[in-house]
C-alpha atoms as a PDB file:
ATOM      1  CA  MET A   1     -21.518 103.073  51.257  1.00  0.00           C
ATOM      2  CA  ARG A   2     -23.716 101.338  49.561  1.00  0.00           C
ATOM      3  CA  ILE A   3     -23.401  97.585  50.366  1.00  0.00           C
ATOM      4  CA  ALA A   4     -24.301  95.580  46.975  1.00  0.00           C
ATOM      5  CA  PRO A   5     -21.410  95.320  44.449  1.00  0.00           C
ATOM      6  CA  LEU A   6     -23.726  94.877  41.261  1.00  0.00           C
ATOM      7  CA  PRO A   7     -26.536  96.641  40.791  1.00  0.00           C
ATOM      8  CA  GLY A   8     -29.288  94.926  42.473  1.00  0.00           C
ATOM      9  CA  PRO A   9     -28.873  92.331  45.639  1.00  0.00           C
ATOM     10  CA  GLN A  10     -27.387  89.423  43.242  1.00  0.00           C
ATOM     11  CA  GLY A  11     -23.991  90.485  44.117  1.00  0.00           C
ATOM     12  CA  LEU A  12     -24.665  89.591  48.334  1.00  0.00           C
ATOM     13  CA  TYR A  13     -25.545  85.737  47.284  1.00  0.00           C
ATOM     14  CA  ASN A  14     -23.124  82.982  46.518  1.00  0.00           C
ATOM     15  CA  VAL A  15     -25.487  80.080  46.271  1.00  0.00           C
ATOM     16  CA  SER A  16     -25.938  77.616  43.530  1.00  0.00           C
ATOM     17  CA  THR A  17     -29.717  78.654  42.754  1.00  0.00           C
ATOM     18  CA  MET A  18     -30.572  82.413  42.807  1.00  0.00           C
ATOM     19  CA  PRO A  19     -34.040  83.430  44.988  1.00  0.00           C
ATOM     20  CA  ARG A  20     -36.872  84.972  43.776  1.00  0.00           C
ATOM     21  CA  PHE A  21     -35.859  89.099  44.892  1.00  0.00           C
ATOM     22  CA  LEU A  22     -39.750  90.052  46.269  1.00  0.00           C
ATOM     23  CA  LEU A  23     -38.238  93.371  48.103  1.00  0.00           C
ATOM     24  CA  ASP A  24     -35.228  95.521  48.878  1.00  0.00           C
ATOM     25  CA  SER A  25     -33.808  98.228  49.630  1.00  0.00           C
ATOM     26  CA  TRP A  26     -31.602  98.842  46.746  1.00  0.00           C
ATOM     27  CA  ARG A  27     -32.952 102.605  45.355  1.00  0.00           C
ATOM     28  CA  VAL A  28     -33.679 103.750  49.292  1.00  0.00           C
ATOM     29  CA  GLY A  29     -29.833 105.361  49.821  1.00  0.00           C
ATOM     30  CA  TRP A  30     -29.270 103.689  53.106  1.00  0.00           C
ATOM     31  CA  GLN A  31     -25.471 103.754  54.462  1.00  0.00           C
ATOM     32  CA  GLY A  32     -24.050 100.184  54.946  1.00  0.00           C
ATOM     33  CA  ALA A  33     -26.884  98.218  55.370  1.00  0.00           C
ATOM     34  CA  TYR A  34     -28.947  96.221  52.656  1.00  0.00           C
ATOM     35  CA  PHE A  35     -32.417  94.769  53.518  1.00  0.00           C
ATOM     36  CA  THR A  36     -33.944  92.179  51.008  1.00  0.00           C
ATOM     37  CA  ASP A  37     -37.124  89.494  51.451  1.00  0.00           C
ATOM     38  CA  ILE A  38     -36.270  86.726  48.999  1.00  0.00           C
ATOM     39  CA  ALA A  39     -38.109  83.739  47.964  1.00  0.00           C
ATOM     40  CA  GLY A  40     -35.556  80.574  47.922  1.00  0.00           C
ATOM     41  CA  ALA A  41     -35.290  77.834  45.549  1.00  0.00           C
ATOM     42  CA  ASP A  42     -36.853  74.226  46.588  1.00  0.00           C
ATOM     43  CA  GLU A  43     -33.069  73.346  47.281  1.00  0.00           C
ATOM     44  CA  GLY A  44     -29.311  74.305  46.559  1.00  0.00           C
ATOM     45  CA  ILE A  45     -26.082  74.871  48.224  1.00  0.00           C
ATOM     46  CA  VAL A  46     -24.424  77.751  49.914  1.00  0.00           C
ATOM     47  CA  ASP A  47     -21.217  77.857  49.883  1.00  0.00           C
ATOM     48  CA  HIS A  48     -19.450  81.093  50.940  1.00  0.00           C
ATOM     49  CA  GLY A  49     -18.017  83.345  53.822  1.00  0.00           C
ATOM     50  CA  HIS A  50     -19.696  86.299  55.050  1.00  0.00           C
ATOM     51  CA  ALA A  51     -17.781  90.241  54.375  1.00  0.00           C
ATOM     52  CA  ARG A  52     -20.322  91.497  56.695  1.00  0.00           C
ATOM     53  CA  TYR A  53     -22.634  91.217  59.468  1.00  0.00           C
ATOM     54  CA  CYS A  54     -25.884  89.222  58.107  1.00  0.00           C
ATOM     55  CA  ILE A  55     -29.219  89.180  60.183  1.00  0.00           C
ATOM     56  CA  GLN A  56     -31.093  86.120  58.909  1.00  0.00           C
ATOM     57  CA  ARG A  57     -34.872  85.521  59.299  1.00  0.00           C
ATOM     58  CA  GLY A  58     -36.003  82.604  58.380  1.00  0.00           C
ATOM     59  CA  MET A  59     -39.612  82.491  57.610  1.00  0.00           C
ATOM     60  CA  HIS A  60     -40.219  79.138  57.200  1.00  0.00           C
ATOM     61  CA  GLN A  61     -39.113  75.522  58.025  1.00  0.00           C
ATOM     62  CA  GLU A  62     -36.401  74.045  56.109  1.00  0.00           C
ATOM     63  CA  SER A  63     -33.628  71.424  56.492  1.00  0.00           C
ATOM     64  CA  ARG A  64     -29.786  71.723  55.953  1.00  0.00           C
ATOM     65  CA  ARG A  65     -26.631  69.463  55.895  1.00  0.00           C
ATOM     66  CA  GLN A  66     -23.294  70.438  56.045  1.00  0.00           C
ATOM     67  CA  LEU A  67     -21.506  69.824  52.834  1.00  0.00           C
ATOM     68  CA  GLY A  68     -20.148  66.301  53.247  1.00  0.00           C
ATOM     69  CA  HIS A  69     -22.400  65.198  55.786  1.00  0.00           C
ATOM     70  CA  ARG A  70     -25.205  62.180  55.127  1.00  0.00           C
ATOM     71  CA  ASP A  71     -27.641  63.936  57.893  1.00  0.00           C
ATOM     72  CA  TRP A  72     -30.132  66.597  57.052  1.00  0.00           C
ATOM     73  CA  ARG A  73     -31.034  68.537  60.490  1.00  0.00           C
ATOM     74  CA  GLY A  74     -34.443  70.599  60.505  1.00  0.00           C
ATOM     75  CA  PHE A  75     -34.142  74.724  60.957  1.00  0.00           C
ATOM     76  CA  ALA A  76     -37.344  76.251  62.137  1.00  0.00           C
ATOM     77  CA  PRO A  77     -38.606  79.670  61.299  1.00  0.00           C
ATOM     78  CA  GLY A  78     -36.369  82.373  63.555  1.00  0.00           C
ATOM     79  CA  PHE A  79     -33.196  84.421  63.175  1.00  0.00           C
ATOM     80  CA  SER A  80     -29.603  84.032  62.736  1.00  0.00           C
ATOM     81  CA  ILE A  81     -26.968  86.182  62.959  1.00  0.00           C
ATOM     82  CA  TRP A  82     -23.401  85.896  61.035  1.00  0.00           C
ATOM     83  CA  ARG A  83     -20.849  88.169  61.790  1.00  0.00           C
ATOM     84  CA  ALA A  84     -17.944  89.327  58.752  1.00  0.00           C
ATOM     85  CA  GLY A  85     -15.624  85.690  59.049  1.00  0.00           C
ATOM     86  CA  ASP A  86     -18.209  83.582  59.541  1.00  0.00           C
ATOM     87  CA  GLU A  87     -18.537  80.982  56.868  1.00  0.00           C
ATOM     88  CA  GLN A  88     -21.994  79.267  55.663  1.00  0.00           C
ATOM     89  CA  ARG A  89     -21.431  76.064  53.578  1.00  0.00           C
ATOM     90  CA  PHE A  90     -24.405  74.113  53.669  1.00  0.00           C
ATOM     91  CA  GLU A  91     -27.096  72.371  51.094  1.00  0.00           C
ATOM     92  CA  TRP A  92     -30.908  73.166  52.054  1.00  0.00           C
ATOM     93  CA  ARG A  93     -33.783  71.468  50.600  1.00  0.00           C
ATOM     94  CA  ASP A  94     -37.713  72.439  51.222  1.00  0.00           C
ATOM     95  CA  GLY A  95     -36.607  76.314  50.784  1.00  0.00           C
ATOM     96  CA  GLY A  96     -39.133  79.050  51.493  1.00  0.00           C
ATOM     97  CA  ARG A  97     -39.537  82.874  52.273  1.00  0.00           C
ATOM     98  CA  SER A  98     -36.177  84.803  54.052  1.00  0.00           C
ATOM     99  CA  GLN A  99     -35.750  87.926  54.814  1.00  0.00           C
ATOM    100  CA  PHE A 100     -32.028  89.042  55.107  1.00  0.00           C
ATOM    101  CA  LEU A 101     -30.204  92.596  56.468  1.00  0.00           C
ATOM    102  CA  PHE A 102     -26.621  92.919  55.714  1.00  0.00           C
ATOM    103  CA  ILE A 103     -24.716  95.423  57.540  1.00  0.00           C
ATOM    104  CA  ALA A 104     -21.167  96.714  57.293  1.00  0.00           C
ATOM    105  CA  PRO A 105     -18.850  96.735  60.456  1.00  0.00           C
ATOM    106  CA  GLU A 106     -18.108 100.155  60.529  1.00  0.00           C
ATOM    107  CA  ILE A 107     -21.685 101.266  60.723  1.00  0.00           C
ATOM    108  CA  VAL A 108     -22.177  98.493  63.342  1.00  0.00           C
ATOM    109  CA  GLU A 109     -19.262 100.669  65.344  1.00  0.00           C
ATOM    110  CA  SER A 110     -20.778 104.097  64.298  1.00  0.00           C
ATOM    111  CA  VAL A 111     -24.377 103.233  65.454  1.00  0.00           C
ATOM    112  CA  LEU A 112     -22.709 101.488  69.078  1.00  0.00           C
ATOM    113  CA  GLY A 113     -19.987 104.375  69.389  1.00  0.00           C
ATOM    114  CA  ASP A 114     -17.905 101.644  70.545  1.00  0.00           C
ATOM    115  CA  SER A 115     -15.561  98.331  68.579  1.00  0.00           C
ATOM    116  CA  ARG A 116     -18.059  95.838  70.646  1.00  0.00           C
ATOM    117  CA  ILE A 117     -18.192  93.199  67.718  1.00  0.00           C
ATOM    118  CA  LEU A 118     -21.875  91.917  67.768  1.00  0.00           C
ATOM    119  CA  ALA A 119     -22.143  87.713  69.351  1.00  0.00           C
ATOM    120  CA  PRO A 120     -23.381  85.127  66.853  1.00  0.00           C
ATOM    121  CA  SER A 121     -26.326  83.660  67.471  1.00  0.00           C
ATOM    122  CA  GLY A 122     -28.949  81.228  66.302  1.00  0.00           C
ATOM    123  CA  GLN A 123     -26.412  79.626  63.527  1.00  0.00           C
ATOM    124  CA  GLN A 124     -27.402  76.483  64.860  1.00  0.00           C
ATOM    125  CA  ALA A 125     -30.838  76.955  66.207  1.00  0.00           C
ATOM    126  CA  PRO A 126     -32.720  79.797  64.841  1.00  0.00           C
ATOM    127  CA  LEU A 127     -32.965  82.274  67.389  1.00  0.00           C
ATOM    128  CA  ARG A 128     -36.960  83.336  68.766  1.00  0.00           C
ATOM    129  CA  SER A 129     -37.559  87.195  69.078  1.00  0.00           C
ATOM    130  CA  HIS A 130     -40.800  88.795  68.709  1.00  0.00           C
ATOM    131  CA  LEU A 131     -39.019  92.380  68.545  1.00  0.00           C
ATOM    132  CA  LEU A 132     -36.908  91.455  65.933  1.00  0.00           C
ATOM    133  CA  GLU A 133     -40.220  90.307  64.241  1.00  0.00           C
ATOM    134  CA  LEU A 134     -41.302  93.548  64.494  1.00  0.00           C
ATOM    135  CA  LEU A 135     -38.078  95.418  63.731  1.00  0.00           C
ATOM    136  CA  PHE A 136     -37.981  93.745  60.672  1.00  0.00           C
ATOM    137  CA  ASP A 137     -41.644  93.585  59.823  1.00  0.00           C
ATOM    138  CA  ALA A 138     -41.418  97.373  60.200  1.00  0.00           C
ATOM    139  CA  LEU A 139     -38.222  97.470  57.505  1.00  0.00           C
ATOM    140  CA  ALA A 140     -40.012  95.751  55.035  1.00  0.00           C
ATOM    141  CA  ALA A 141     -43.419  98.114  55.887  1.00  0.00           C
ATOM    142  CA  ASP A 142     -41.272 101.079  54.606  1.00  0.00           C
ATOM    143  CA  LEU A 143     -40.165  99.503  51.667  1.00  0.00           C
ATOM    144  CA  ALA A 144     -43.277  98.356  50.057  1.00  0.00           C
ATOM    145  CA  GLN A 145     -44.869 101.609  50.754  1.00  0.00           C
ATOM    146  CA  GLY A 146     -41.692 103.228  48.943  1.00  0.00           C
ATOM    147  CA  SER A 147     -39.924 104.590  51.804  1.00  0.00           C
ATOM    148  CA  PRO A 148     -41.886 107.976  51.448  1.00  0.00           C
ATOM    149  CA  SER A 149     -39.244 109.578  54.109  1.00  0.00           C
ATOM    150  CA  GLY A 150     -36.345 108.230  52.483  1.00  0.00           C
ATOM    151  CA  PRO A 151     -33.736 106.290  54.415  1.00  0.00           C
ATOM    152  CA  LEU A 152     -34.604 107.984  57.921  1.00  0.00           C
ATOM    153  CA  VAL A 153     -36.955 105.368  58.749  1.00  0.00           C
ATOM    154  CA  GLY A 154     -35.070 102.248  57.741  1.00  0.00           C
ATOM    155  CA  GLU A 155     -31.857 103.673  59.523  1.00  0.00           C
ATOM    156  CA  SER A 156     -33.000 104.463  62.856  1.00  0.00           C
ATOM    157  CA  LEU A 157     -35.045 101.141  62.787  1.00  0.00           C
ATOM    158  CA  ILE A 158     -31.796  99.479  61.754  1.00  0.00           C
ATOM    159  CA  ALA A 159     -30.158 101.492  65.150  1.00  0.00           C
ATOM    160  CA  ALA A 160     -32.771 100.259  66.934  1.00  0.00           C
ATOM    161  CA  LEU A 161     -32.085  97.044  65.941  1.00  0.00           C
ATOM    162  CA  LEU A 162     -28.407  96.566  66.686  1.00  0.00           C
ATOM    163  CA  ALA A 163     -28.876  98.188  70.151  1.00  0.00           C
ATOM    164  CA  HIS A 164     -30.944  95.305  70.802  1.00  0.00           C
ATOM    165  CA  LEU A 165     -28.718  93.055  69.412  1.00  0.00           C
ATOM    166  CA  ALA A 166     -25.863  94.123  71.360  1.00  0.00           C
ATOM    167  CA  GLY A 167     -27.181  92.965  74.210  1.00  0.00           C
ATOM    168  CA  LEU A 168     -27.973  89.633  73.614  1.00  0.00           C
ATOM    169  CA  ARG A 169     -25.023  87.001  74.331  1.00  0.00           C
ATOM    170  CA  GLU A 170     -24.814  83.410  72.534  1.00  0.00           C
ATOM    171  CA  PRO A 171     -26.571  80.706  74.857  1.00  0.00           C
ATOM    172  CA  ARG A 172     -24.570  78.270  76.506  1.00  0.00           C
ATOM    173  CA  SER A 173     -25.487  74.590  74.873  1.00  0.00           C
ATOM    174  CA  ASP A 174     -28.001  72.407  76.858  1.00  0.00           C
ATOM    175  CA  PRO A 175     -26.623  68.839  76.498  1.00  0.00           C
ATOM    176  CA  ALA A 176     -30.294  67.284  76.375  1.00  0.00           C
ATOM    177  CA  LYS A 177     -30.696  69.860  73.268  1.00  0.00           C
ATOM    178  CA  ARG A 178     -27.647  68.626  71.790  1.00  0.00           C
ATOM    179  CA  SER A 179     -28.957  65.276  72.161  1.00  0.00           C
ATOM    180  CA  CYS A 180     -32.756  66.276  70.859  1.00  0.00           C
ATOM    181  CA  ALA A 181     -30.498  67.757  67.653  1.00  0.00           C
ATOM    182  CA  GLN A 182     -30.092  63.799  66.822  1.00  0.00           C
ATOM    183  CA  ALA A 183     -33.435  62.812  67.012  1.00  0.00           C
ATOM    184  CA  ILE A 184     -34.517  66.064  64.435  1.00  0.00           C
ATOM    185  CA  ALA A 185     -31.832  64.088  62.257  1.00  0.00           C
ATOM    186  CA  LEU A 186     -33.556  61.038  62.557  1.00  0.00           C
ATOM    187  CA  ILE A 187     -36.867  62.584  61.466  1.00  0.00           C
ATOM    188  CA  GLU A 188     -34.833  64.732  58.696  1.00  0.00           C
ATOM    189  CA  ALA A 189     -33.532  61.248  57.257  1.00  0.00           C
ATOM    190  CA  ARG A 190     -36.910  59.352  57.387  1.00  0.00           C
ATOM    191  CA  PHE A 191     -39.667  61.850  57.892  1.00  0.00           C
ATOM    192  CA  ALA A 192     -41.439  58.997  54.881  1.00  0.00           C
ATOM    193  CA  GLN A 193     -41.178  56.404  57.193  1.00  0.00           C
ATOM    194  CA  PRO A 194     -42.443  55.417  60.352  1.00  0.00           C
ATOM    195  CA  VAL A 195     -41.039  57.018  63.027  1.00  0.00           C
ATOM    196  CA  THR A 196     -41.721  56.162  66.904  1.00  0.00           C
ATOM    197  CA  LEU A 197     -40.944  57.889  70.005  1.00  0.00           C
ATOM    198  CA  HIS A 198     -38.454  55.171  71.004  1.00  0.00           C
ATOM    199  CA  ASP A 199     -36.431  55.458  67.671  1.00  0.00           C
ATOM    200  CA  LEU A 200     -35.763  58.978  68.699  1.00  0.00           C
ATOM    201  CA  ALA A 201     -34.886  57.924  72.315  1.00  0.00           C
ATOM    202  CA  GLU A 202     -32.606  55.677  71.648  1.00  0.00           C
ATOM    203  CA  ALA A 203     -30.749  58.130  68.901  1.00  0.00           C
ATOM    204  CA  SER A 204     -30.794  60.815  70.869  1.00  0.00           C
ATOM    205  CA  GLY A 205     -30.207  58.773  74.181  1.00  0.00           C
ATOM    206  CA  LEU A 206     -32.465  60.414  76.400  1.00  0.00           C
ATOM    207  CA  GLY A 207     -35.317  58.913  77.914  1.00  0.00           C
ATOM    208  CA  VAL A 208     -38.696  59.283  76.370  1.00  0.00           C
ATOM    209  CA  ARG A 209     -39.772  61.866  79.025  1.00  0.00           C
ATOM    210  CA  GLN A 210     -36.845  63.826  79.024  1.00  0.00           C
ATOM    211  CA  LEU A 211     -36.438  63.544  74.815  1.00  0.00           C
ATOM    212  CA  CYS A 212     -40.194  65.316  74.635  1.00  0.00           C
ATOM    213  CA  ARG A 213     -39.090  67.908  77.246  1.00  0.00           C
ATOM    214  CA  ALA A 214     -35.595  69.050  75.311  1.00  0.00           C
ATOM    215  CA  PHE A 215     -37.654  68.488  71.991  1.00  0.00           C
ATOM    216  CA  ARG A 216     -40.319  70.835  72.767  1.00  0.00           C
ATOM    217  CA  GLU A 217     -37.776  73.824  74.057  1.00  0.00           C
ATOM    218  CA  ALA A 218     -35.813  73.150  70.827  1.00  0.00           C
ATOM    219  CA  THR A 219     -38.093  73.334  68.575  1.00  0.00           C
ATOM    220  CA  GLY A 220     -41.343  74.460  70.167  1.00  0.00           C
ATOM    221  CA  LEU A 221     -43.300  71.224  69.363  1.00  0.00           C
ATOM    222  CA  SER A 222     -43.907  67.912  69.942  1.00  0.00           C
ATOM    223  CA  PRO A 223     -41.969  65.298  68.488  1.00  0.00           C
ATOM    224  CA  HIS A 224     -44.798  64.091  66.960  1.00  0.00           C
ATOM    225  CA  GLN A 225     -46.082  67.412  65.433  1.00  0.00           C
ATOM    226  CA  TYR A 226     -42.415  68.220  63.959  1.00  0.00           C
ATOM    227  CA  LEU A 227     -43.119  64.540  62.345  1.00  0.00           C
ATOM    228  CA  LEU A 228     -45.975  66.043  60.669  1.00  0.00           C
ATOM    229  CA  GLN A 229     -44.842  69.855  59.974  1.00  0.00           C
ATOM    230  CA  ARG A 230     -41.930  67.670  57.774  1.00  0.00           C
ATOM    231  CA  ARG A 231     -44.394  65.407  56.189  1.00  0.00           C
ATOM    232  CA  VAL A 232     -46.846  68.233  55.255  1.00  0.00           C
ATOM    233  CA  GLU A 233     -44.022  70.520  53.995  1.00  0.00           C
ATOM    234  CA  HIS A 234     -42.589  67.812  52.284  1.00  0.00           C
ATOM    235  CA  ALA A 235     -46.207  67.005  50.618  1.00  0.00           C
ATOM    236  CA  LYS A 236     -45.949  70.769  49.516  1.00  0.00           C
ATOM    237  CA  LEU A 237     -42.750  70.454  47.487  1.00  0.00           C
ATOM    238  CA  LEU A 238     -44.198  67.574  45.615  1.00  0.00           C
ATOM    239  CA  ILE A 239     -47.577  68.903  45.004  1.00  0.00           C
ATOM    240  CA  ALA A 240     -45.733  71.881  43.410  1.00  0.00           C
ATOM    241  CA  ARG A 241     -43.677  69.854  40.857  1.00  0.00           C
ATOM    242  CA  GLY A 242     -46.621  67.940  39.810  1.00  0.00           C
ATOM    243  CA  HIS A 243     -46.588  65.002  41.722  1.00  0.00           C
ATOM    244  CA  PRO A 244     -49.871  62.696  41.794  1.00  0.00           C
ATOM    245  CA  LEU A 245     -52.000  63.274  45.233  1.00  0.00           C
ATOM    246  CA  ALA A 246     -51.990  59.852  46.084  1.00  0.00           C
ATOM    247  CA  GLU A 247     -48.039  59.160  45.245  1.00  0.00           C
ATOM    248  CA  VAL A 248     -47.143  62.204  47.168  1.00  0.00           C
ATOM    249  CA  ALA A 249     -49.351  60.467  50.701  1.00  0.00           C
ATOM    250  CA  LEU A 250     -46.960  57.774  50.418  1.00  0.00           C
ATOM    251  CA  GLN A 251     -43.877  59.515  49.525  1.00  0.00           C
ATOM    252  CA  SER A 252     -44.517  62.044  52.394  1.00  0.00           C
ATOM    253  CA  GLY A 253     -45.206  59.221  54.864  1.00  0.00           C
ATOM    254  CA  PHE A 254     -48.697  59.385  55.030  1.00  0.00           C
ATOM    255  CA  ALA A 255     -50.901  56.144  54.886  1.00  0.00           C
ATOM    256  CA  ASP A 256     -53.194  57.253  51.763  1.00  0.00           C
ATOM    257  CA  GLN A 257     -54.280  60.153  50.372  1.00  0.00           C
ATOM    258  CA  SER A 258     -57.150  60.812  53.027  1.00  0.00           C
ATOM    259  CA  GLN A 259     -54.886  60.986  55.680  1.00  0.00           C
ATOM    260  CA  LEU A 260     -52.748  63.434  53.674  1.00  0.00           C
ATOM    261  CA  THR A 261     -55.892  66.038  52.909  1.00  0.00           C
ATOM    262  CA  ARG A 262     -56.570  65.646  57.345  1.00  0.00           C
ATOM    263  CA  HIS A 263     -52.983  66.622  57.938  1.00  0.00           C
ATOM    264  CA  PHE A 264     -53.024  69.209  55.064  1.00  0.00           C
ATOM    265  CA  VAL A 265     -55.681  70.890  55.820  1.00  0.00           C
ATOM    266  CA  GLY A 266     -54.591  71.075  59.687  1.00  0.00           C
ATOM    267  CA  HIS A 267     -51.399  73.082  58.863  1.00  0.00           C
ATOM    268  CA  VAL A 268     -52.139  74.245  55.519  1.00  0.00           C
ATOM    269  CA  GLY A 269     -55.236  75.565  56.180  1.00  0.00           C
ATOM    270  CA  THR A 270     -56.782  74.175  52.362  1.00  0.00           C
ATOM    271  CA  THR A 271     -56.525  71.217  50.868  1.00  0.00           C
ATOM    272  CA  PRO A 272     -53.859  69.327  48.760  1.00  0.00           C
ATOM    273  CA  GLY A 273     -55.776  69.993  45.473  1.00  0.00           C
ATOM    274  CA  ARG A 274     -56.533  73.334  46.489  1.00  0.00           C
ATOM    275  CA  TYR A 275     -53.260  74.103  47.314  1.00  0.00           C
ATOM    276  CA  ARG A 276     -51.629  72.431  43.997  1.00  0.00           C
ATOM    277  CA  ASP A 277     -54.679  74.708  41.764  1.00  0.00           C
ATOM    278  CA  ASN A 278     -52.887  77.685  43.695  1.00  0.00           C
ATOM    279  CA  VAL A 279     -49.507  76.948  42.750  1.00  0.00           C
ATOM    280  CA  ALA A 280     -50.674  76.079  39.276  1.00  0.00           C
ATOM    281  CA  HIS A 281     -51.925  79.679  39.064  1.00  0.00           C
END
């Protein structure tokens, strides 16, 4: 029972701009499961319902907004678990690298030995899991080596992954984290403009100290770190599109090119000019 309905991974994606496929399990012979590693387009639209389980690993910071809505939300790297019947209908920007594991519901039932349904998780705030990262890395490594043992290694890793996920439960929503989402939405809407802690606290309805604590719990970053990261990610996008660096600095919310360079080196590890040269090649 192969998963992808077309010759290759394209049959699994219903997006406005197809990704670039870096790695996939098409020729390995897994039954009822499919893995792919992609480089997503800078921006686009997802509008589809899932026909199978989809475990998504976002490996970059991106922004999304629900179709028909105005506000953008930031999504940190991490895992999201979607079940058959779940819908994804949103626009994204600042796309990047992601990995997907699609699994047929009957495979889940076969591995777990009963009719348990995996709990959805990470759809609003991606789940951070070192174990899931290790399992996904192992799947990718086996595929990159040509799966010398055939489907055995991959299917064994998938069984271990499902056993782990079967013990997960969707965490209860924290009111402070829900309020924190309003602060994130404000950053997404105004990251190229001056944004103060007072602005974020007012948008969230929290005090400044409470906001900072909730923000770090939700994103792993302080509001200031998140804002800088968001500006640098936008700068990377503009540089890749060929904009002059002085213009990139202003459009990304930096005072000047010097400030852009300082923060760019701190986040990316290279200067904007060298990054531009690497992207060009």
